[in-house]
PDB file of N, CA and C in Angstrom:
ATOM      1  N   MET A   1     -12.117  -9.732  33.145  1.00  0.00           N
ATOM      2  CA  MET A   1     -10.829  -9.428  32.692  1.00  0.00           C
ATOM      3  C   MET A   1     -11.154  -8.307  31.594  1.00  0.00           C
ATOM      4  N   LEU A   2     -12.181  -8.196  30.956  1.00  0.00           N
ATOM      5  CA  LEU A   2     -12.430  -7.112  29.898  1.00  0.00           C
ATOM      6  C   LEU A   2     -12.671  -5.818  30.598  1.00  0.00           C
ATOM      7  N   GLU A   3     -13.171  -5.971  31.807  1.00  0.00           N
ATOM      8  CA  GLU A   3     -13.428  -4.695  32.557  1.00  0.00           C
ATOM      9  C   GLU A   3     -12.116  -3.847  32.835  1.00  0.00           C
ATOM     10  N   SER A   4     -11.016  -4.484  32.941  1.00  0.00           N
ATOM     11  CA  SER A   4      -9.639  -3.747  33.171  1.00  0.00           C
ATOM     12  C   SER A   4      -9.154  -3.237  32.023  1.00  0.00           C
ATOM     13  N   LEU A   5      -9.834  -3.424  30.861  1.00  0.00           N
ATOM     14  CA  LEU A   5      -9.102  -2.910  29.560  1.00  0.00           C
ATOM     15  C   LEU A   5      -9.597  -1.480  29.392  1.00  0.00           C
ATOM     16  N   ASP A   6      -8.637  -0.498  28.758  1.00  0.00           N
ATOM     17  CA  ASP A   6      -9.239   0.633  28.332  1.00  0.00           C
ATOM     18  C   ASP A   6     -10.190   0.809  27.169  1.00  0.00           C
ATOM     19  N   LYS A   7     -10.818   1.781  26.758  1.00  0.00           N
ATOM     20  CA  LYS A   7     -11.749   1.926  25.843  1.00  0.00           C
ATOM     21  C   LYS A   7     -11.143   1.597  24.391  1.00  0.00           C
ATOM     22  N   GLY A   8      -9.967   2.158  24.194  1.00  0.00           N
ATOM     23  CA  GLY A   8      -9.324   1.934  22.878  1.00  0.00           C
ATOM     24  C   GLY A   8      -8.974   0.528  22.670  1.00  0.00           C
ATOM     25  N   THR A   9      -8.428  -0.192  23.679  1.00  0.00           N
ATOM     26  CA  THR A   9      -8.136  -1.646  23.468  1.00  0.00           C
ATOM     27  C   THR A   9      -9.399  -2.237  23.157  1.00  0.00           C
ATOM     28  N   LEU A  10     -10.434  -2.110  23.950  1.00  0.00           N
ATOM     29  CA  LEU A  10     -11.795  -3.008  23.678  1.00  0.00           C
ATOM     30  C   LEU A  10     -12.230  -2.620  22.328  1.00  0.00           C
ATOM     31  N   MET A  11     -12.124  -1.346  21.805  1.00  0.00           N
ATOM     32  CA  MET A  11     -12.443  -1.013  20.336  1.00  0.00           C
ATOM     33  C   MET A  11     -11.574  -1.875  19.371  1.00  0.00           C
ATOM     34  N   ALA A  12     -10.306  -1.879  19.632  1.00  0.00           N
ATOM     35  CA  ALA A  12      -9.340  -2.590  18.795  1.00  0.00           C
ATOM     36  C   ALA A  12      -9.869  -4.183  18.672  1.00  0.00           C
ATOM     37  N   ILE A  13     -10.085  -4.772  19.862  1.00  0.00           N
ATOM     38  CA  ILE A  13     -10.409  -6.049  19.970  1.00  0.00           C
ATOM     39  C   ILE A  13     -11.692  -6.496  19.185  1.00  0.00           C
ATOM     40  N   ASN A  14     -12.742  -5.514  19.429  1.00  0.00           N
ATOM     41  CA  ASN A  14     -14.129  -5.616  18.622  1.00  0.00           C
ATOM     42  C   ASN A  14     -13.833  -5.573  17.390  1.00  0.00           C
ATOM     43  N   GLU A  15     -13.028  -4.527  16.884  1.00  0.00           N
ATOM     44  CA  GLU A  15     -13.066  -4.379  15.280  1.00  0.00           C
ATOM     45  C   GLU A  15     -12.068  -5.716  14.791  1.00  0.00           C
ATOM     46  N   LYS A  16     -11.240  -6.143  15.349  1.00  0.00           N
ATOM     47  CA  LYS A  16     -10.488  -7.413  14.948  1.00  0.00           C
ATOM     48  C   LYS A  16     -11.473  -8.604  14.792  1.00  0.00           C
ATOM     49  N   VAL A  17     -12.236  -8.645  15.871  1.00  0.00           N
ATOM     50  CA  VAL A  17     -13.082  -9.894  15.969  1.00  0.00           C
ATOM     51  C   VAL A  17     -14.202  -9.708  14.774  1.00  0.00           C
ATOM     52  N   ASN A  18     -14.759  -8.541  14.618  1.00  0.00           N
ATOM     53  CA  ASN A  18     -15.652  -8.363  13.645  1.00  0.00           C
ATOM     54  C   ASN A  18     -15.293  -8.123  12.164  1.00  0.00           C
ATOM     55  N   GLY A  19     -13.844  -8.179  12.075  1.00  0.00           N
ATOM     56  CA  GLY A  19     -13.330  -8.169  10.783  1.00  0.00           C
ATOM     57  C   GLY A  19     -13.342  -6.764  10.033  1.00  0.00           C
ATOM     58  N   LYS A  20     -13.563  -5.578  11.134  1.00  0.00           N
ATOM     59  CA  LYS A  20     -13.814  -4.312  10.610  1.00  0.00           C
ATOM     60  C   LYS A  20     -12.561  -3.320  10.948  1.00  0.00           C
ATOM     61  N   SER A  21     -11.231  -3.952  10.964  1.00  0.00           N
ATOM     62  CA  SER A  21     -10.078  -3.248  11.434  1.00  0.00           C
ATOM     63  C   SER A  21      -9.871  -2.272  10.327  1.00  0.00           C
ATOM     64  N   SER A  22      -9.680  -1.010  10.901  1.00  0.00           N
ATOM     65  CA  SER A  22      -9.271   0.220   9.919  1.00  0.00           C
ATOM     66  C   SER A  22      -7.748   0.248   9.701  1.00  0.00           C
ATOM     67  N   THR A  23      -7.044  -0.789  10.454  1.00  0.00           N
ATOM     68  CA  THR A  23      -5.642  -0.445  10.502  1.00  0.00           C
ATOM     69  C   THR A  23      -5.051  -1.417   9.273  1.00  0.00           C
ATOM     70  N   GLY A  24      -5.943  -2.122   8.507  1.00  0.00           N
ATOM     71  CA  GLY A  24      -5.372  -3.087   7.426  1.00  0.00           C
ATOM     72  C   GLY A  24      -4.620  -2.293   6.343  1.00  0.00           C
ATOM     73  N   VAL A  25      -3.631  -2.932   5.944  1.00  0.00           N
ATOM     74  CA  VAL A  25      -2.791  -2.511   4.931  1.00  0.00           C
ATOM     75  C   VAL A  25      -3.509  -1.792   3.667  1.00  0.00           C
ATOM     76  N   ALA A  26      -4.547  -2.435   3.243  1.00  0.00           N
ATOM     77  CA  ALA A  26      -5.202  -1.933   2.005  1.00  0.00           C
ATOM     78  C   ALA A  26      -6.645  -1.422   2.277  1.00  0.00           C
ATOM     79  N   SER A  27      -6.672  -0.565   3.460  1.00  0.00           N
ATOM     80  CA  SER A  27      -8.047  -0.077   3.827  1.00  0.00           C
ATOM     81  C   SER A  27      -8.427   1.041   2.950  1.00  0.00           C
ATOM     82  N   GLU A  28      -9.619   1.117   2.529  1.00  0.00           N
ATOM     83  CA  GLU A  28     -10.186   1.985   1.596  1.00  0.00           C
ATOM     84  C   GLU A  28      -9.780   3.470   1.787  1.00  0.00           C
ATOM     85  N   GLY A  29      -9.370   4.017   0.765  1.00  0.00           N
ATOM     86  CA  GLY A  29      -9.130   5.432   0.693  1.00  0.00           C
ATOM     87  C   GLY A  29      -7.720   5.892   1.056  1.00  0.00           C
ATOM     88  N   THR A  30      -7.000   5.006   1.692  1.00  0.00           N
ATOM     89  CA  THR A  30      -5.551   5.360   2.106  1.00  0.00           C
ATOM     90  C   THR A  30      -4.530   4.925   1.016  1.00  0.00           C
ATOM     91  N   TRP A  31      -4.842   4.104   0.131  1.00  0.00           N
ATOM     92  CA  TRP A  31      -3.792   3.607  -0.854  1.00  0.00           C
ATOM     93  C   TRP A  31      -4.395   4.058  -2.181  1.00  0.00           C
ATOM     94  N   PRO A  32      -3.930   4.992  -2.939  1.00  0.00           N
ATOM     95  CA  PRO A  32      -4.518   5.348  -4.226  1.00  0.00           C
ATOM     96  C   PRO A  32      -4.467   4.255  -5.255  1.00  0.00           C
ATOM     97  N   GLY A  33      -5.474   3.700  -5.824  1.00  0.00           N
ATOM     98  CA  GLY A  33      -5.618   2.870  -6.815  1.00  0.00           C
ATOM     99  C   GLY A  33      -5.485   1.421  -6.459  1.00  0.00           C
ATOM    100  N   ILE A  34      -5.179   1.171  -5.113  1.00  0.00           N
ATOM    101  CA  ILE A  34      -5.109  -0.199  -4.710  1.00  0.00           C
ATOM    102  C   ILE A  34      -6.481  -0.631  -4.277  1.00  0.00           C
ATOM    103  N   ASP A  35      -6.832  -1.785  -4.934  1.00  0.00           N
ATOM    104  CA  ASP A  35      -8.094  -2.260  -4.405  1.00  0.00           C
ATOM    105  C   ASP A  35      -8.072  -3.512  -3.641  1.00  0.00           C
ATOM    106  N   SER A  36      -6.892  -4.065  -3.497  1.00  0.00           N
ATOM    107  CA  SER A  36      -6.685  -5.312  -2.741  1.00  0.00           C
ATOM    108  C   SER A  36      -5.236  -5.376  -2.186  1.00  0.00           C
ATOM    109  N   ARG A  37      -5.222  -6.224  -1.021  1.00  0.00           N
ATOM    110  CA  ARG A  37      -3.834  -6.180  -0.513  1.00  0.00           C
ATOM    111  C   ARG A  37      -2.869  -7.002  -1.492  1.00  0.00           C
ATOM    112  N   PHE A  38      -3.499  -7.655  -2.342  1.00  0.00           N
ATOM    113  CA  PHE A  38      -2.730  -8.686  -3.206  1.00  0.00           C
ATOM    114  C   PHE A  38      -2.024  -7.676  -4.231  1.00  0.00           C
ATOM    115  N   ARG A  39      -2.782  -6.835  -4.716  1.00  0.00           N
ATOM    116  CA  ARG A  39      -2.128  -5.895  -5.703  1.00  0.00           C
ATOM    117  C   ARG A  39      -1.168  -5.005  -4.951  1.00  0.00           C
ATOM    118  N   LEU A  40      -1.391  -4.622  -3.715  1.00  0.00           N
ATOM    119  CA  LEU A  40      -0.383  -3.876  -3.044  1.00  0.00           C
ATOM    120  C   LEU A  40       0.969  -4.654  -2.917  1.00  0.00           C
ATOM    121  N   ILE A  41       0.939  -5.974  -2.493  1.00  0.00           N
ATOM    122  CA  ILE A  41       1.979  -6.704  -2.348  1.00  0.00           C
ATOM    123  C   ILE A  41       2.780  -6.854  -3.584  1.00  0.00           C
ATOM    124  N   ILE A  42       2.191  -7.054  -4.781  1.00  0.00           N
ATOM    125  CA  ILE A  42       2.802  -7.240  -6.002  1.00  0.00           C
ATOM    126  C   ILE A  42       3.410  -5.958  -6.521  1.00  0.00           C
ATOM    127  N   LEU A  43       2.679  -4.739  -6.322  1.00  0.00           N
ATOM    128  CA  LEU A  43       3.354  -3.486  -6.762  1.00  0.00           C
ATOM    129  C   LEU A  43       4.495  -3.128  -5.958  1.00  0.00           C
ATOM    130  N   ALA A  44       4.491  -3.236  -4.847  1.00  0.00           N
ATOM    131  CA  ALA A  44       5.260  -2.843  -3.779  1.00  0.00           C
ATOM    132  C   ALA A  44       6.674  -3.786  -3.910  1.00  0.00           C
ATOM    133  N   GLY A  45       6.415  -5.175  -4.380  1.00  0.00           N
ATOM    134  CA  GLY A  45       7.503  -5.885  -4.578  1.00  0.00           C
ATOM    135  C   GLY A  45       8.272  -5.591  -5.769  1.00  0.00           C
ATOM    136  N   LYS A  46       7.440  -5.257  -6.907  1.00  0.00           N
ATOM    137  CA  LYS A  46       8.100  -4.728  -8.198  1.00  0.00           C
ATOM    138  C   LYS A  46       8.921  -3.561  -7.837  1.00  0.00           C
ATOM    139  N   ARG A  47       8.301  -2.478  -7.099  1.00  0.00           N
ATOM    140  CA  ARG A  47       9.011  -1.545  -7.006  1.00  0.00           C
ATOM    141  C   ARG A  47      10.491  -1.593  -5.951  1.00  0.00           C
ATOM    142  N   THR A  48      10.282  -2.457  -5.156  1.00  0.00           N
ATOM    143  CA  THR A  48      11.377  -2.780  -4.185  1.00  0.00           C
ATOM    144  C   THR A  48      12.548  -3.317  -5.099  1.00  0.00           C
ATOM    145  N   LYS A  49      12.199  -4.028  -6.167  1.00  0.00           N
ATOM    146  CA  LYS A  49      13.207  -4.655  -6.996  1.00  0.00           C
ATOM    147  C   LYS A  49      13.853  -3.579  -7.764  1.00  0.00           C
ATOM    148  N   GLN A  50      13.074  -2.597  -8.245  1.00  0.00           N
ATOM    149  CA  GLN A  50      13.641  -1.455  -9.053  1.00  0.00           C
ATOM    150  C   GLN A  50      14.499  -0.791  -8.103  1.00  0.00           C
ATOM    151  N   LEU A  51      14.252  -0.556  -6.878  1.00  0.00           N
ATOM    152  CA  LEU A  51      15.201   0.185  -5.769  1.00  0.00           C
ATOM    153  C   LEU A  51      16.464  -0.744  -5.676  1.00  0.00           C
ATOM    154  N   LEU A  52      16.299  -1.981  -5.572  1.00  0.00           N
ATOM    155  CA  LEU A  52      17.475  -2.749  -5.509  1.00  0.00           C
ATOM    156  C   LEU A  52      18.356  -2.758  -6.487  1.00  0.00           C
ATOM    157  N   HIS A  53      17.836  -2.538  -7.681  1.00  0.00           N
ATOM    158  CA  HIS A  53      18.737  -2.586  -9.063  1.00  0.00           C
ATOM    159  C   HIS A  53      19.151  -1.083  -9.291  1.00  0.00           C
ATOM    160  N   GLY A  54      18.906  -0.270  -8.454  1.00  0.00           N
ATOM    161  CA  GLY A  54      19.574   1.210  -8.678  1.00  0.00           C
ATOM    162  C   GLY A  54      18.587   2.301  -8.965  1.00  0.00           C
ATOM    163  N   SER A  55      17.312   1.980  -8.946  1.00  0.00           N
ATOM    164  CA  SER A  55      16.357   3.176  -9.257  1.00  0.00           C
ATOM    165  C   SER A  55      16.351   4.201  -8.053  1.00  0.00           C
ATOM    166  N   LYS A  56      16.330   5.307  -8.284  1.00  0.00           N
ATOM    167  CA  LYS A  56      16.306   6.321  -7.175  1.00  0.00           C
ATOM    168  C   LYS A  56      15.073   6.359  -6.504  1.00  0.00           C
ATOM    169  N   PRO A  57      14.872   6.588  -5.223  1.00  0.00           N
ATOM    170  CA  PRO A  57      13.750   6.889  -4.455  1.00  0.00           C
ATOM    171  C   PRO A  57      12.795   7.953  -4.897  1.00  0.00           C
ATOM    172  N   ARG A  58      11.623   8.032  -4.973  1.00  0.00           N
ATOM    173  CA  ARG A  58      10.800   9.189  -5.186  1.00  0.00           C
ATOM    174  C   ARG A  58      10.545   9.968  -4.011  1.00  0.00           C
ATOM    175  N   ILE A  59      10.846   9.444  -2.971  1.00  0.00           N
ATOM    176  CA  ILE A  59      10.708  10.116  -1.607  1.00  0.00           C
ATOM    177  C   ILE A  59      12.175  10.538  -1.007  1.00  0.00           C
ATOM    178  N   GLU A  60      12.036  11.525  -0.087  1.00  0.00           N
ATOM    179  CA  GLU A  60      13.266  11.713   0.611  1.00  0.00           C
ATOM    180  C   GLU A  60      13.474  10.747   1.528  1.00  0.00           C
ATOM    181  N   VAL A  61      14.639  10.093   1.507  1.00  0.00           N
ATOM    182  CA  VAL A  61      15.025   9.023   2.471  1.00  0.00           C
ATOM    183  C   VAL A  61      16.328   8.986   3.225  1.00  0.00           C
ATOM    184  N   ASP A  62      16.504   8.675   4.414  1.00  0.00           N
ATOM    185  CA  ASP A  62      17.772   8.409   4.946  1.00  0.00           C
ATOM    186  C   ASP A  62      18.119   7.105   4.913  1.00  0.00           C
ATOM    187  N   LYS A  63      19.094   6.728   4.071  1.00  0.00           N
ATOM    188  CA  LYS A  63      19.456   5.406   3.611  1.00  0.00           C
ATOM    189  C   LYS A  63      19.946   4.546   4.815  1.00  0.00           C
ATOM    190  N   GLY A  64      20.407   5.155   5.821  1.00  0.00           N
ATOM    191  CA  GLY A  64      20.779   4.447   6.970  1.00  0.00           C
ATOM    192  C   GLY A  64      19.606   3.813   7.777  1.00  0.00           C
ATOM    193  N   ARG A  65      18.440   4.526   7.706  1.00  0.00           N
ATOM    194  CA  ARG A  65      17.365   4.201   8.484  1.00  0.00           C
ATOM    195  C   ARG A  65      16.248   3.465   7.793  1.00  0.00           C
ATOM    196  N   ARG A  66      16.129   3.553   6.435  1.00  0.00           N
ATOM    197  CA  ARG A  66      14.926   2.944   5.700  1.00  0.00           C
ATOM    198  C   ARG A  66      15.412   2.118   4.863  1.00  0.00           C
ATOM    199  N   ARG A  67      14.541   0.972   4.802  1.00  0.00           N
ATOM    200  CA  ARG A  67      14.911  -0.122   3.751  1.00  0.00           C
ATOM    201  C   ARG A  67      14.129   0.026   2.545  1.00  0.00           C
ATOM    202  N   ASN A  68      14.488  -0.740   1.485  1.00  0.00           N
ATOM    203  CA  ASN A  68      13.971  -0.526   0.186  1.00  0.00           C
ATOM    204  C   ASN A  68      12.408  -0.907   0.327  1.00  0.00           C
ATOM    205  N   THR A  69      11.993  -1.977   0.996  1.00  0.00           N
ATOM    206  CA  THR A  69      10.454  -2.326   1.110  1.00  0.00           C
ATOM    207  C   THR A  69       9.661  -1.224   1.751  1.00  0.00           C
ATOM    208  N   SER A  70      10.301  -0.530   2.771  1.00  0.00           N
ATOM    209  CA  SER A  70       9.590   0.664   3.382  1.00  0.00           C
ATOM    210  C   SER A  70       9.566   1.700   2.647  1.00  0.00           C
ATOM    211  N   ILE A  71      10.585   1.885   1.627  1.00  0.00           N
ATOM    212  CA  ILE A  71      10.653   3.039   0.793  1.00  0.00           C
ATOM    213  C   ILE A  71       9.640   2.824  -0.185  1.00  0.00           C
ATOM    214  N   ALA A  72       9.480   1.406  -0.730  1.00  0.00           N
ATOM    215  CA  ALA A  72       8.415   1.147  -1.806  1.00  0.00           C
ATOM    216  C   ALA A  72       7.121   1.260  -1.310  1.00  0.00           C
ATOM    217  N   LEU A  73       6.695   0.934  -0.113  1.00  0.00           N
ATOM    218  CA  LEU A  73       5.314   1.027   0.363  1.00  0.00           C
ATOM    219  C   LEU A  73       5.037   2.424   0.695  1.00  0.00           C
ATOM    220  N   GLU A  74       5.932   3.167   1.144  1.00  0.00           N
ATOM    221  CA  GLU A  74       5.633   4.565   1.137  1.00  0.00           C
ATOM    222  C   GLU A  74       5.313   5.299  -0.063  1.00  0.00           C
ATOM    223  N   GLU A  75       6.061   4.976  -1.147  1.00  0.00           N
ATOM    224  CA  GLU A  75       5.814   5.543  -2.464  1.00  0.00           C
ATOM    225  C   GLU A  75       4.424   5.068  -2.938  1.00  0.00           C
ATOM    226  N   VAL A  76       4.096   3.806  -2.670  1.00  0.00           N
ATOM    227  CA  VAL A  76       2.920   3.237  -3.212  1.00  0.00           C
ATOM    228  C   VAL A  76       1.659   3.903  -2.565  1.00  0.00           C
ATOM    229  N   LYS A  77       1.919   4.278  -1.142  1.00  0.00           N
ATOM    230  CA  LYS A  77       0.783   4.901  -0.410  1.00  0.00           C
ATOM    231  C   LYS A  77       0.606   6.420  -0.684  1.00  0.00           C
ATOM    232  N   ARG A  78       1.735   7.122  -1.248  1.00  0.00           N
ATOM    233  CA  ARG A  78       1.692   8.460  -1.635  1.00  0.00           C
ATOM    234  C   ARG A  78       1.121   8.601  -3.092  1.00  0.00           C
ATOM    235  N   GLY A  79       0.991   7.524  -3.880  1.00  0.00           N
ATOM    236  CA  GLY A  79       0.578   7.468  -5.129  1.00  0.00           C
ATOM    237  C   GLY A  79       1.778   7.847  -6.129  1.00  0.00           C
ATOM    238  N   LEU A  80       2.861   7.616  -5.951  1.00  0.00           N
ATOM    239  CA  LEU A  80       3.999   8.162  -6.777  1.00  0.00           C
ATOM    240  C   LEU A  80       4.410   6.858  -7.578  1.00  0.00           C
ATOM    241  N   VAL A  81       3.707   5.855  -7.485  1.00  0.00           N
ATOM    242  CA  VAL A  81       4.100   4.542  -8.395  1.00  0.00           C
ATOM    243  C   VAL A  81       3.031   4.295  -9.356  1.00  0.00           C
ATOM    244  N   GLN A  82       3.369   4.666 -10.474  1.00  0.00           N
ATOM    245  CA  GLN A  82       2.171   4.387 -11.840  1.00  0.00           C
ATOM    246  C   GLN A  82       2.282   3.008 -11.991  1.00  0.00           C
ATOM    247  N   PHE A  83       0.908   2.655 -12.288  1.00  0.00           N
ATOM    248  CA  PHE A  83       0.747   1.060 -12.809  1.00  0.00           C
ATOM    249  C   PHE A  83      -0.644   1.088 -13.600  1.00  0.00           C
ATOM    250  N   CYS A  84      -0.725   0.127 -14.313  1.00  0.00           N
ATOM    251  CA  CYS A  84      -2.123  -0.122 -14.871  1.00  0.00           C
ATOM    252  C   CYS A  84      -2.649  -1.595 -14.643  1.00  0.00           C
ATOM    253  N   LYS A  85      -3.799  -1.859 -14.688  1.00  0.00           N
ATOM    254  CA  LYS A  85      -4.360  -3.027 -14.445  1.00  0.00           C
ATOM    255  C   LYS A  85      -4.523  -3.662 -15.915  1.00  0.00           C
ATOM    256  N   VAL A  86      -4.400  -4.881 -16.074  1.00  0.00           N
ATOM    257  CA  VAL A  86      -4.627  -5.754 -17.361  1.00  0.00           C
ATOM    258  C   VAL A  86      -5.532  -6.882 -17.133  1.00  0.00           C
ATOM    259  N   ASP A  87      -6.352  -7.295 -18.108  1.00  0.00           N
ATOM    260  CA  ASP A  87      -7.265  -8.423 -17.860  1.00  0.00           C
ATOM    261  C   ASP A  87      -6.411  -9.567 -18.280  1.00  0.00           C
ATOM    262  N   LYS A  88      -7.099 -10.870 -18.161  1.00  0.00           N
ATOM    263  CA  LYS A  88      -6.472 -12.125 -18.248  1.00  0.00           C
ATOM    264  C   LYS A  88      -6.149 -12.362 -19.681  1.00  0.00           C
ATOM    265  N   ASP A  89      -6.381 -11.581 -20.693  1.00  0.00           N
ATOM    266  CA  ASP A  89      -5.876 -11.725 -21.935  1.00  0.00           C
ATOM    267  C   ASP A  89      -4.558 -10.622 -22.143  1.00  0.00           C
ATOM    268  N   GLY A  90      -4.354  -9.961 -21.223  1.00  0.00           N
ATOM    269  CA  GLY A  90      -3.307  -8.989 -21.295  1.00  0.00           C
ATOM    270  C   GLY A  90      -3.374  -7.667 -21.803  1.00  0.00           C
ATOM    271  N   VAL A  91      -4.944  -7.376 -22.098  1.00  0.00           N
ATOM    272  CA  VAL A  91      -5.376  -6.011 -22.497  1.00  0.00           C
ATOM    273  C   VAL A  91      -5.539  -5.121 -21.380  1.00  0.00           C
ATOM    274  N   ARG A  92      -5.041  -3.987 -21.671  1.00  0.00           N
ATOM    275  CA  ARG A  92      -4.890  -2.769 -20.650  1.00  0.00           C
ATOM    276  C   ARG A  92      -6.296  -2.433 -20.342  1.00  0.00           C
ATOM    277  N   ILE A  93      -6.721  -2.311 -19.002  1.00  0.00           N
ATOM    278  CA  ILE A  93      -8.084  -1.607 -18.443  1.00  0.00           C
ATOM    279  C   ILE A  93      -7.730  -0.316 -18.255  1.00  0.00           C
ATOM    280  N   PRO A  94      -8.563   0.461 -18.874  1.00  0.00           N
ATOM    281  CA  PRO A  94      -8.584   2.000 -18.733  1.00  0.00           C
ATOM    282  C   PRO A  94      -8.950   2.418 -17.145  1.00  0.00           C
ATOM    283  N   ASN A  95      -8.018   3.224 -16.664  1.00  0.00           N
ATOM    284  CA  ASN A  95      -8.132   3.617 -15.301  1.00  0.00           C
ATOM    285  C   ASN A  95      -8.582   5.218 -15.285  1.00  0.00           C
ATOM    286  N   PRO A  96      -9.749   5.458 -14.961  1.00  0.00           N
ATOM    287  CA  PRO A  96     -10.225   6.768 -15.048  1.00  0.00           C
ATOM    288  C   PRO A  96      -9.515   7.649 -13.970  1.00  0.00           C
ATOM    289  N   ASP A  97      -8.887   7.283 -13.136  1.00  0.00           N
ATOM    290  CA  ASP A  97      -8.031   8.033 -11.962  1.00  0.00           C
ATOM    291  C   ASP A  97      -6.703   8.277 -12.265  1.00  0.00           C
ATOM    292  N   ALA A  98      -6.278   7.688 -13.408  1.00  0.00           N
ATOM    293  CA  ALA A  98      -4.855   7.598 -13.821  1.00  0.00           C
ATOM    294  C   ALA A  98      -4.433   8.951 -14.319  1.00  0.00           C
ATOM    295  N   VAL A  99      -3.184   9.345 -13.888  1.00  0.00           N
ATOM    296  CA  VAL A  99      -2.734  10.636 -14.343  1.00  0.00           C
ATOM    297  C   VAL A  99      -1.781  10.485 -15.447  1.00  0.00           C
ATOM    298  N   ASP A 100      -1.999  11.089 -16.591  1.00  0.00           N
ATOM    299  CA  ASP A 100      -1.135  10.993 -17.770  1.00  0.00           C
ATOM    300  C   ASP A 100       0.124  11.646 -17.625  1.00  0.00           C
ATOM    301  N   ILE A 101       1.293  11.094 -17.635  1.00  0.00           N
ATOM    302  CA  ILE A 101       2.602  11.597 -17.158  1.00  0.00           C
ATOM    303  C   ILE A 101       3.395  12.044 -18.402  1.00  0.00           C
ATOM    304  N   ASN A 102       2.913  11.882 -19.759  1.00  0.00           N
ATOM    305  CA  ASN A 102       3.586  12.250 -20.948  1.00  0.00           C
ATOM    306  C   ASN A 102       3.221  13.730 -21.328  1.00  0.00           C
TER     307      ASN A 102
END
């Protein structure tokens, strides 16, 4: 059965079995500042709520074709959503890659 599959399909199956899939949501280097898929979900969810409550998108969108969740994910992927990490005591953790927008 595997002999009938093309090379790309075989590579995708191998990556998925070995857990080395490069198509994962939070794959390294593609999402600025996002170090886990959980952080991505929380950040995109908060941005989606902002959009639902009337915030203007930071990217150009066609409202008829894009949903707020897709817009939020694209904004996060492009690094347009500013955020900071805090420790368990609520103290802000400095981010050396953060851009000062003031």
